[in-house]
Amino acid sequence: MTIAFVDVAYRGTGARAACVLTESWEAESPSSTYVCDIEAVEPYESGNFYRRELPCLVSVLRLLPSLPETVVVDGYVWLPSGGRPGLGARLYEALGQGTPVVGIAKTAFAGVESCAGVVRVLRGTSRNPLFVTAVGIEPEVAAQCVRRMAGKHRIPDIVRIADRLSRSRAIAGKNAA
């Protein structure tokens, strides 16, 4: 099994997309990593975040020799307000609806309390849950996988690695610092 954990960091008008591959949900370290610098990204647009992040994720996934069996995004697959598609659902569509996508969100989205498609996952000693959503795999199965991930803290170790990799060095773009 190959699982891709993807994340994007922004600076100025550019971004760096990162992908960390593992062979299992329980992996303590990556089997390989990839990064893709994007010179220009769409500006942030409230309610349409996917327009900015999706092209970056697709770009880094294109670097892989083959599609992973599952992709994990930092965010929601489905947005609690009426089950609207979030970043993960848009990525699932972009990948041809054949690769399950799991979303691990760190913050609650408005309406999350009444959304049946969001599974709260407590990890470590944290009282703050992660919010797990999924497409192509049952949300509760995805939540069980997230619970099993390596790391004793709220954020699984591999998710932290993907975040750090996306933030690792200057990012291309006119206004990059």
N, C-alpha and C. Protein backbone atom coordinates (compact mmCIF):
# COMPACT_ATOMS: atom_id res chain seq x y z
N MET A 1 0.85 -1.18 0.00
CA MET A 1 0.00 0.00 0.00
C MET A 1 0.89 1.24 0.00
N THR A 2 0.52 2.23 -0.78
CA THR A 2 1.22 3.51 -0.78
C THR A 2 0.22 4.61 -0.44
N ILE A 3 0.60 5.41 0.56
CA ILE A 3 -0.24 6.52 1.00
C ILE A 3 0.54 7.80 0.79
N ALA A 4 -0.08 8.80 0.16
CA ALA A 4 0.56 10.09 -0.06
C ALA A 4 -0.04 11.11 0.89
N PHE A 5 0.80 11.78 1.64
CA PHE A 5 0.39 12.88 2.52
C PHE A 5 0.87 14.15 1.85
N VAL A 6 -0.06 15.03 1.50
CA VAL A 6 0.29 16.23 0.74
C VAL A 6 -0.03 17.49 1.53
N ASP A 7 0.77 18.53 1.28
CA ASP A 7 0.55 19.81 1.94
C ASP A 7 1.16 20.90 1.06
N VAL A 8 0.71 22.13 1.26
CA VAL A 8 1.19 23.28 0.48
C VAL A 8 1.46 24.43 1.44
N ALA A 9 2.58 25.11 1.20
CA ALA A 9 2.90 26.33 1.94
C ALA A 9 3.00 27.47 0.93
N TYR A 10 2.54 28.64 1.34
CA TYR A 10 2.50 29.81 0.45
C TYR A 10 3.43 30.89 0.96
N ARG A 11 4.02 31.61 0.02
CA ARG A 11 4.83 32.78 0.36
C ARG A 11 4.79 33.70 -0.84
N GLY A 12 4.40 34.93 -0.62
CA GLY A 12 4.30 35.85 -1.73
C GLY A 12 3.27 35.35 -2.73
N THR A 13 3.65 35.30 -3.99
CA THR A 13 2.73 34.83 -5.04
C THR A 13 2.98 33.37 -5.40
N GLY A 14 3.91 32.72 -4.70
CA GLY A 14 4.26 31.34 -5.02
C GLY A 14 3.90 30.36 -3.93
N ALA A 15 4.22 29.10 -4.19
CA ALA A 15 3.93 28.04 -3.22
C ALA A 15 4.91 26.90 -3.40
N ARG A 16 4.98 26.07 -2.38
CA ARG A 16 5.71 24.82 -2.44
C ARG A 16 4.75 23.73 -2.01
N ALA A 17 4.55 22.76 -2.90
CA ALA A 17 3.72 21.60 -2.59
C ALA A 17 4.65 20.45 -2.21
N ALA A 18 4.28 19.72 -1.18
CA ALA A 18 5.08 18.60 -0.71
C ALA A 18 4.24 17.33 -0.68
N CYS A 19 4.90 16.21 -0.94
CA CYS A 19 4.25 14.91 -0.87
C CYS A 19 5.17 13.96 -0.13
N VAL A 20 4.66 13.33 0.90
CA VAL A 20 5.39 12.36 1.69
C VAL A 20 4.70 11.02 1.48
N LEU A 21 5.45 10.03 0.98
CA LEU A 21 4.89 8.70 0.75
C LEU A 21 5.26 7.76 1.89
N THR A 22 4.29 6.93 2.27
CA THR A 22 4.54 5.86 3.24
C THR A 22 3.95 4.57 2.68
N GLU A 23 4.38 3.48 3.27
CA GLU A 23 3.88 2.16 2.85
C GLU A 23 2.76 1.67 3.74
N SER A 24 2.47 2.40 4.83
CA SER A 24 1.37 2.00 5.71
C SER A 24 0.94 3.21 6.54
N TRP A 25 -0.22 3.11 7.14
CA TRP A 25 -0.71 4.17 8.02
C TRP A 25 0.15 4.28 9.27
N GLU A 26 0.76 3.19 9.69
CA GLU A 26 1.54 3.17 10.93
C GLU A 26 2.99 3.58 10.73
N ALA A 27 3.41 3.87 9.52
CA ALA A 27 4.81 4.18 9.22
C ALA A 27 5.32 5.33 10.08
N GLU A 28 6.54 5.19 10.55
CA GLU A 28 7.16 6.22 11.36
C GLU A 28 7.99 7.19 10.54
N SER A 29 8.36 6.77 9.34
CA SER A 29 9.15 7.64 8.46
C SER A 29 8.71 7.44 7.02
N PRO A 30 8.99 8.42 6.17
CA PRO A 30 8.59 8.32 4.76
C PRO A 30 9.39 7.28 3.99
N SER A 31 8.78 6.71 2.98
CA SER A 31 9.52 5.87 2.05
C SER A 31 10.15 6.74 0.98
N SER A 32 9.54 7.89 0.67
CA SER A 32 10.12 8.87 -0.24
C SER A 32 9.36 10.19 -0.09
N THR A 33 9.99 11.26 -0.60
CA THR A 33 9.37 12.58 -0.53
C THR A 33 9.55 13.29 -1.87
N TYR A 34 8.64 14.20 -2.15
CA TYR A 34 8.67 14.99 -3.38
C TYR A 34 8.26 16.41 -3.04
N VAL A 35 8.83 17.38 -3.77
CA VAL A 35 8.41 18.76 -3.64
C VAL A 35 8.26 19.36 -5.03
N CYS A 36 7.39 20.33 -5.14
CA CYS A 36 7.16 21.02 -6.40
C CYS A 36 6.96 22.50 -6.08
N ASP A 37 7.84 23.33 -6.63
CA ASP A 37 7.70 24.78 -6.44
C ASP A 37 6.83 25.35 -7.55
N ILE A 38 5.85 26.13 -7.15
CA ILE A 38 4.92 26.75 -8.09
C ILE A 38 5.18 28.25 -8.03
N GLU A 39 5.49 28.84 -9.17
CA GLU A 39 5.88 30.25 -9.20
C GLU A 39 4.72 31.19 -8.91
N ALA A 40 3.54 30.88 -9.44
CA ALA A 40 2.39 31.77 -9.24
C ALA A 40 1.15 30.94 -8.92
N VAL A 41 0.46 31.33 -7.86
CA VAL A 41 -0.77 30.65 -7.47
C VAL A 41 -1.92 31.66 -7.47
N GLU A 42 -3.13 31.14 -7.51
CA GLU A 42 -4.32 31.99 -7.43
C GLU A 42 -4.36 32.68 -6.07
N PRO A 43 -4.89 33.88 -6.02
CA PRO A 43 -5.04 34.54 -4.71
C PRO A 43 -6.08 33.79 -3.87
N TYR A 44 -5.95 33.95 -2.56
CA TYR A 44 -6.92 33.33 -1.65
C TYR A 44 -8.30 33.91 -1.90
N GLU A 45 -9.29 33.03 -1.96
CA GLU A 45 -10.67 33.45 -2.14
C GLU A 45 -11.52 32.69 -1.11
N SER A 46 -12.07 33.39 -0.16
CA SER A 46 -12.87 32.78 0.88
C SER A 46 -13.98 31.91 0.29
N GLY A 47 -14.08 30.68 0.79
CA GLY A 47 -15.10 29.75 0.32
C GLY A 47 -14.69 28.97 -0.91
N ASN A 48 -13.58 29.33 -1.52
CA ASN A 48 -13.08 28.64 -2.72
C ASN A 48 -11.58 28.36 -2.61
N PHE A 49 -11.15 27.95 -1.44
CA PHE A 49 -9.74 27.68 -1.17
C PHE A 49 -9.16 26.68 -2.17
N TYR A 50 -9.97 25.73 -2.61
CA TYR A 50 -9.49 24.69 -3.52
C TYR A 50 -8.91 25.28 -4.80
N ARG A 51 -9.42 26.44 -5.22
CA ARG A 51 -8.91 27.04 -6.47
C ARG A 51 -7.44 27.41 -6.35
N ARG A 52 -7.01 27.69 -5.14
CA ARG A 52 -5.62 28.03 -4.90
C ARG A 52 -4.77 26.77 -4.67
N GLU A 53 -5.27 25.85 -3.88
CA GLU A 53 -4.46 24.72 -3.44
C GLU A 53 -4.49 23.52 -4.40
N LEU A 54 -5.62 23.27 -5.04
CA LEU A 54 -5.75 22.08 -5.89
C LEU A 54 -4.69 22.00 -6.98
N PRO A 55 -4.43 23.06 -7.75
CA PRO A 55 -3.39 22.96 -8.78
C PRO A 55 -2.01 22.60 -8.21
N CYS A 56 -1.73 23.07 -7.01
CA CYS A 56 -0.45 22.76 -6.37
C CYS A 56 -0.37 21.27 -6.02
N LEU A 57 -1.44 20.74 -5.46
CA LEU A 57 -1.46 19.32 -5.10
C LEU A 57 -1.35 18.43 -6.34
N VAL A 58 -2.07 18.77 -7.38
CA VAL A 58 -2.00 18.00 -8.62
C VAL A 58 -0.58 18.04 -9.18
N SER A 59 0.07 19.20 -9.11
CA SER A 59 1.44 19.32 -9.62
C SER A 59 2.41 18.40 -8.90
N VAL A 60 2.34 18.35 -7.58
CA VAL A 60 3.28 17.48 -6.86
C VAL A 60 2.93 16.01 -7.07
N LEU A 61 1.66 15.67 -7.18
CA LEU A 61 1.27 14.27 -7.41
C LEU A 61 1.70 13.79 -8.80
N ARG A 62 1.81 14.71 -9.74
CA ARG A 62 2.29 14.35 -11.09
C ARG A 62 3.74 13.90 -11.08
N LEU A 63 4.48 14.26 -10.05
CA LEU A 63 5.89 13.86 -9.95
C LEU A 63 6.05 12.38 -9.57
N LEU A 64 5.01 11.78 -9.01
CA LEU A 64 5.09 10.40 -8.55
C LEU A 64 5.14 9.44 -9.73
N PRO A 65 5.85 8.31 -9.58
CA PRO A 65 5.90 7.33 -10.66
C PRO A 65 4.52 6.71 -10.96
N SER A 66 3.66 6.66 -9.95
CA SER A 66 2.30 6.17 -10.12
C SER A 66 1.44 6.75 -9.00
N LEU A 67 0.14 6.76 -9.22
CA LEU A 67 -0.76 7.28 -8.18
C LEU A 67 -0.71 6.39 -6.95
N PRO A 68 -0.74 6.99 -5.77
CA PRO A 68 -0.80 6.19 -4.54
C PRO A 68 -2.17 5.55 -4.40
N GLU A 69 -2.28 4.66 -3.46
CA GLU A 69 -3.58 4.01 -3.20
C GLU A 69 -4.52 4.94 -2.45
N THR A 70 -3.96 5.86 -1.67
CA THR A 70 -4.76 6.83 -0.91
C THR A 70 -3.98 8.13 -0.83
N VAL A 71 -4.69 9.26 -0.87
CA VAL A 71 -4.07 10.57 -0.68
C VAL A 71 -4.70 11.21 0.55
N VAL A 72 -3.85 11.81 1.39
CA VAL A 72 -4.31 12.50 2.60
C VAL A 72 -4.01 13.98 2.45
N VAL A 73 -5.05 14.81 2.61
CA VAL A 73 -4.89 16.26 2.50
C VAL A 73 -5.03 16.91 3.87
N ASP A 74 -4.44 18.07 3.99
CA ASP A 74 -4.55 18.89 5.19
C ASP A 74 -5.79 19.77 5.00
N GLY A 75 -6.92 19.29 5.46
CA GLY A 75 -8.17 20.02 5.29
C GLY A 75 -9.35 19.07 5.20
N TYR A 76 -10.44 19.58 4.69
CA TYR A 76 -11.68 18.81 4.60
C TYR A 76 -11.89 18.23 3.22
N VAL A 77 -12.48 17.05 3.17
CA VAL A 77 -12.96 16.48 1.91
C VAL A 77 -14.34 17.06 1.62
N TRP A 78 -15.16 17.05 2.64
CA TRP A 78 -16.52 17.62 2.53
C TRP A 78 -16.65 18.71 3.56
N LEU A 79 -17.25 19.81 3.16
CA LEU A 79 -17.45 20.92 4.09
C LEU A 79 -18.78 20.70 4.81
N PRO A 80 -18.77 20.87 6.12
CA PRO A 80 -19.97 20.58 6.90
C PRO A 80 -21.24 21.29 6.45
N SER A 81 -21.15 22.44 5.88
CA SER A 81 -22.37 23.16 5.50
C SER A 81 -23.02 22.52 4.27
N GLY A 82 -23.87 21.54 4.52
CA GLY A 82 -24.63 20.89 3.45
C GLY A 82 -23.85 19.88 2.63
N GLY A 83 -22.70 19.43 3.13
CA GLY A 83 -21.94 18.44 2.39
C GLY A 83 -21.33 18.96 1.10
N ARG A 84 -21.03 20.27 1.07
CA ARG A 84 -20.38 20.85 -0.12
C ARG A 84 -18.99 20.25 -0.29
N PRO A 85 -18.55 20.11 -1.55
CA PRO A 85 -17.21 19.55 -1.76
C PRO A 85 -16.13 20.52 -1.27
N GLY A 86 -15.19 19.96 -0.52
CA GLY A 86 -14.03 20.71 -0.07
C GLY A 86 -12.83 20.35 -0.93
N LEU A 87 -11.66 20.72 -0.45
CA LEU A 87 -10.43 20.46 -1.19
C LEU A 87 -10.28 18.98 -1.53
N GLY A 88 -10.53 18.10 -0.57
CA GLY A 88 -10.36 16.67 -0.80
C GLY A 88 -11.29 16.11 -1.86
N ALA A 89 -12.54 16.55 -1.86
CA ALA A 89 -13.49 16.09 -2.88
C ALA A 89 -13.08 16.59 -4.26
N ARG A 90 -12.57 17.81 -4.32
CA ARG A 90 -12.11 18.36 -5.60
C ARG A 90 -10.89 17.59 -6.10
N LEU A 91 -10.00 17.20 -5.19
CA LEU A 91 -8.84 16.41 -5.58
C LEU A 91 -9.27 15.02 -6.06
N TYR A 92 -10.23 14.43 -5.38
CA TYR A 92 -10.77 13.12 -5.79
C TYR A 92 -11.28 13.19 -7.23
N GLU A 93 -12.00 14.24 -7.55
CA GLU A 93 -12.49 14.45 -8.93
C GLU A 93 -11.32 14.60 -9.89
N ALA A 94 -10.33 15.41 -9.53
CA ALA A 94 -9.18 15.66 -10.40
C ALA A 94 -8.37 14.40 -10.66
N LEU A 95 -8.41 13.46 -9.72
CA LEU A 95 -7.68 12.20 -9.87
C LEU A 95 -8.52 11.12 -10.53
N GLY A 96 -9.67 11.47 -11.06
CA GLY A 96 -10.50 10.52 -11.79
C GLY A 96 -11.39 9.65 -10.94
N GLN A 97 -11.60 10.01 -9.69
CA GLN A 97 -12.49 9.30 -8.75
C GLN A 97 -12.06 7.86 -8.48
N GLY A 98 -10.78 7.56 -8.68
CA GLY A 98 -10.31 6.20 -8.43
C GLY A 98 -9.39 6.07 -7.23
N THR A 99 -8.95 7.20 -6.69
CA THR A 99 -8.03 7.19 -5.56
C THR A 99 -8.73 7.80 -4.35
N PRO A 100 -8.93 7.00 -3.29
CA PRO A 100 -9.57 7.55 -2.09
C PRO A 100 -8.77 8.74 -1.54
N VAL A 101 -9.50 9.72 -1.02
CA VAL A 101 -8.88 10.90 -0.41
C VAL A 101 -9.42 11.04 1.01
N VAL A 102 -8.49 11.24 1.94
CA VAL A 102 -8.82 11.42 3.35
C VAL A 102 -8.40 12.84 3.73
N GLY A 103 -9.28 13.54 4.41
CA GLY A 103 -8.96 14.88 4.90
C GLY A 103 -8.75 14.86 6.39
N ILE A 104 -7.65 15.47 6.83
CA ILE A 104 -7.39 15.64 8.26
C ILE A 104 -7.34 17.14 8.50
N ALA A 105 -8.39 17.67 9.10
CA ALA A 105 -8.46 19.10 9.39
C ALA A 105 -8.15 19.32 10.87
N LYS A 106 -7.42 20.40 11.13
CA LYS A 106 -7.02 20.70 12.50
C LYS A 106 -7.99 21.64 13.20
N THR A 107 -8.79 22.36 12.42
CA THR A 107 -9.72 23.31 13.03
C THR A 107 -11.15 23.00 12.59
N ALA A 108 -12.08 23.34 13.46
CA ALA A 108 -13.49 23.12 13.16
C ALA A 108 -13.97 24.14 12.14
N PHE A 109 -14.76 23.68 11.22
CA PHE A 109 -15.38 24.53 10.20
C PHE A 109 -16.79 24.83 10.69
N ALA A 110 -17.32 25.98 10.36
CA ALA A 110 -18.67 26.34 10.80
C ALA A 110 -19.67 25.25 10.42
N GLY A 111 -20.42 24.75 11.37
CA GLY A 111 -21.42 23.73 11.13
C GLY A 111 -20.92 22.31 11.36
N VAL A 112 -19.67 22.16 11.78
CA VAL A 112 -19.10 20.82 11.94
C VAL A 112 -19.83 20.00 13.01
N GLU A 113 -20.41 20.68 13.99
CA GLU A 113 -21.09 19.97 15.08
C GLU A 113 -22.25 19.10 14.60
N SER A 114 -22.90 19.52 13.53
CA SER A 114 -24.09 18.79 13.05
C SER A 114 -23.82 17.99 11.78
N CYS A 115 -22.57 17.81 11.42
CA CYS A 115 -22.25 17.11 10.18
C CYS A 115 -21.94 15.64 10.43
N ALA A 116 -22.74 14.77 9.83
CA ALA A 116 -22.56 13.33 10.01
C ALA A 116 -21.31 12.80 9.30
N GLY A 117 -20.80 13.49 8.29
CA GLY A 117 -19.65 13.01 7.52
C GLY A 117 -18.31 13.35 8.13
N VAL A 118 -18.30 14.00 9.28
CA VAL A 118 -17.05 14.37 9.95
C VAL A 118 -16.88 13.48 11.18
N VAL A 119 -15.72 12.82 11.27
CA VAL A 119 -15.42 11.99 12.43
C VAL A 119 -14.34 12.69 13.24
N ARG A 120 -14.63 12.93 14.51
CA ARG A 120 -13.65 13.55 15.40
C ARG A 120 -12.69 12.48 15.91
N VAL A 121 -11.40 12.79 15.84
CA VAL A 121 -10.38 11.84 16.29
C VAL A 121 -9.51 12.52 17.34
N LEU A 122 -9.48 11.92 18.52
CA LEU A 122 -8.58 12.40 19.57
C LEU A 122 -7.32 11.55 19.54
N ARG A 123 -6.18 12.23 19.61
CA ARG A 123 -4.89 11.53 19.61
C ARG A 123 -4.05 12.08 20.76
N GLY A 124 -3.18 11.22 21.27
CA GLY A 124 -2.31 11.64 22.36
C GLY A 124 -3.14 12.06 23.56
N THR A 125 -2.66 13.08 24.23
CA THR A 125 -3.38 13.58 25.41
C THR A 125 -4.21 14.82 25.08
N SER A 126 -4.29 15.16 23.81
CA SER A 126 -5.01 16.37 23.40
C SER A 126 -6.51 16.21 23.61
N ARG A 127 -7.12 17.31 24.02
CA ARG A 127 -8.58 17.35 24.14
C ARG A 127 -9.19 17.96 22.88
N ASN A 128 -8.34 18.42 21.96
CA ASN A 128 -8.79 19.01 20.71
C ASN A 128 -8.77 17.94 19.62
N PRO A 129 -9.89 17.68 19.00
CA PRO A 129 -9.93 16.63 17.99
C PRO A 129 -9.36 17.07 16.65
N LEU A 130 -8.98 16.09 15.85
CA LEU A 130 -8.77 16.28 14.42
C LEU A 130 -10.11 15.97 13.79
N PHE A 131 -10.42 16.58 12.65
CA PHE A 131 -11.69 16.37 11.98
C PHE A 131 -11.40 15.60 10.69
N VAL A 132 -11.83 14.35 10.65
CA VAL A 132 -11.51 13.46 9.52
C VAL A 132 -12.73 13.32 8.63
N THR A 133 -12.52 13.54 7.33
CA THR A 133 -13.54 13.34 6.31
C THR A 133 -12.91 12.51 5.21
N ALA A 134 -13.74 11.91 4.35
CA ALA A 134 -13.17 11.03 3.33
C ALA A 134 -14.13 10.84 2.15
N VAL A 135 -13.54 10.43 1.03
CA VAL A 135 -14.29 10.03 -0.15
C VAL A 135 -13.55 8.84 -0.76
N GLY A 136 -14.30 7.83 -1.18
CA GLY A 136 -13.69 6.62 -1.72
C GLY A 136 -13.33 5.63 -0.65
N ILE A 137 -13.55 6.00 0.60
CA ILE A 137 -13.33 5.16 1.78
C ILE A 137 -14.31 5.68 2.84
N GLU A 138 -14.84 4.79 3.63
CA GLU A 138 -15.79 5.22 4.67
C GLU A 138 -15.09 6.12 5.68
N PRO A 139 -15.74 7.21 6.08
CA PRO A 139 -15.11 8.14 7.03
C PRO A 139 -14.66 7.47 8.33
N GLU A 140 -15.43 6.54 8.85
CA GLU A 140 -15.04 5.88 10.10
C GLU A 140 -13.81 5.00 9.90
N VAL A 141 -13.69 4.36 8.74
CA VAL A 141 -12.49 3.56 8.43
C VAL A 141 -11.28 4.50 8.33
N ALA A 142 -11.46 5.64 7.66
CA ALA A 142 -10.38 6.63 7.55
C ALA A 142 -9.98 7.11 8.94
N ALA A 143 -10.95 7.36 9.81
CA ALA A 143 -10.66 7.83 11.16
C ALA A 143 -9.87 6.77 11.95
N GLN A 144 -10.20 5.50 11.78
CA GLN A 144 -9.44 4.43 12.43
C GLN A 144 -8.00 4.43 11.95
N CYS A 145 -7.79 4.68 10.67
CA CYS A 145 -6.43 4.74 10.11
C CYS A 145 -5.66 5.90 10.74
N VAL A 146 -6.30 7.05 10.87
CA VAL A 146 -5.65 8.23 11.46
C VAL A 146 -5.31 7.96 12.93
N ARG A 147 -6.17 7.27 13.64
CA ARG A 147 -5.90 6.93 15.05
C ARG A 147 -4.65 6.07 15.17
N ARG A 148 -4.41 5.19 14.19
CA ARG A 148 -3.27 4.26 14.23
C ARG A 148 -1.95 4.89 13.83
N MET A 149 -1.98 6.09 13.28
CA MET A 149 -0.76 6.70 12.77
C MET A 149 0.27 6.93 13.87
N ALA A 150 1.55 6.85 13.47
CA ALA A 150 2.66 7.02 14.40
C ALA A 150 2.68 8.42 14.97
N GLY A 151 3.13 8.50 16.20
CA GLY A 151 3.27 9.78 16.88
C GLY A 151 2.42 9.83 18.12
N LYS A 152 2.98 10.43 19.16
CA LYS A 152 2.25 10.47 20.43
C LYS A 152 1.47 11.76 20.63
N HIS A 153 1.54 12.66 19.64
CA HIS A 153 0.85 13.94 19.76
C HIS A 153 -0.42 13.97 18.91
N ARG A 154 -1.14 15.06 19.03
CA ARG A 154 -2.39 15.25 18.29
C ARG A 154 -2.18 15.11 16.79
N ILE A 155 -1.15 15.77 16.26
CA ILE A 155 -0.86 15.72 14.83
C ILE A 155 0.06 14.53 14.57
N PRO A 156 -0.33 13.59 13.71
CA PRO A 156 0.52 12.44 13.42
C PRO A 156 1.88 12.88 12.85
N ASP A 157 2.92 12.12 13.15
CA ASP A 157 4.28 12.46 12.74
C ASP A 157 4.42 12.67 11.24
N ILE A 158 3.83 11.81 10.43
CA ILE A 158 3.97 11.94 8.97
C ILE A 158 3.29 13.22 8.48
N VAL A 159 2.20 13.61 9.07
CA VAL A 159 1.53 14.86 8.71
C VAL A 159 2.44 16.04 9.03
N ARG A 160 3.12 15.98 10.16
CA ARG A 160 4.08 17.03 10.54
C ARG A 160 5.23 17.09 9.53
N ILE A 161 5.70 15.94 9.08
CA ILE A 161 6.80 15.89 8.12
C ILE A 161 6.38 16.55 6.81
N ALA A 162 5.18 16.25 6.34
CA ALA A 162 4.69 16.86 5.09
C ALA A 162 4.58 18.38 5.26
N ASP A 163 4.11 18.83 6.39
CA ASP A 163 4.00 20.26 6.66
C ASP A 163 5.38 20.91 6.64
N ARG A 164 6.33 20.32 7.34
CA ARG A 164 7.70 20.88 7.37
C ARG A 164 8.33 20.90 6.00
N LEU A 165 8.12 19.84 5.23
CA LEU A 165 8.70 19.77 3.89
C LEU A 165 8.12 20.86 2.98
N SER A 166 6.84 21.13 3.11
CA SER A 166 6.23 22.18 2.29
C SER A 166 6.76 23.57 2.66
N ARG A 167 7.21 23.72 3.90
CA ARG A 167 7.71 25.02 4.37
C ARG A 167 9.23 25.13 4.28
N SER A 168 9.89 24.11 3.72
CA SER A 168 11.34 24.01 3.75
C SER A 168 12.09 24.91 2.79
N ARG A 169 12.36 25.96 2.79
CA ARG A 169 13.21 26.84 1.97
C ARG A 169 12.37 27.85 1.23
N ALA A 170 13.06 28.79 0.64
CA ALA A 170 12.36 29.87 -0.08
C ALA A 170 11.47 29.31 -1.16
N ILE A 171 10.32 29.91 -1.32
CA ILE A 171 9.35 29.50 -2.31
C ILE A 171 9.40 30.48 -3.47
N ALA A 172 9.31 29.94 -4.66
CA ALA A 172 9.37 30.79 -5.86
C ALA A 172 8.21 31.78 -5.88
N GLY A 173 8.40 32.89 -6.55
CA GLY A 173 7.34 33.89 -6.69
C GLY A 173 7.89 35.29 -6.62
N LYS A 174 7.25 36.21 -7.25
CA LYS A 174 7.72 37.59 -7.32
C LYS A 174 7.94 38.20 -5.94
N ASN A 175 7.02 37.92 -5.02
CA ASN A 175 7.10 38.57 -3.72
C ASN A 175 7.65 37.64 -2.64
N ALA A 176 8.31 36.57 -3.05
CA ALA A 176 8.84 35.62 -2.06
C ALA A 176 9.87 36.30 -1.17
N ALA A 177 9.81 35.97 0.11
CA ALA A 177 10.77 36.56 1.05
C ALA A 177 11.94 35.62 1.26
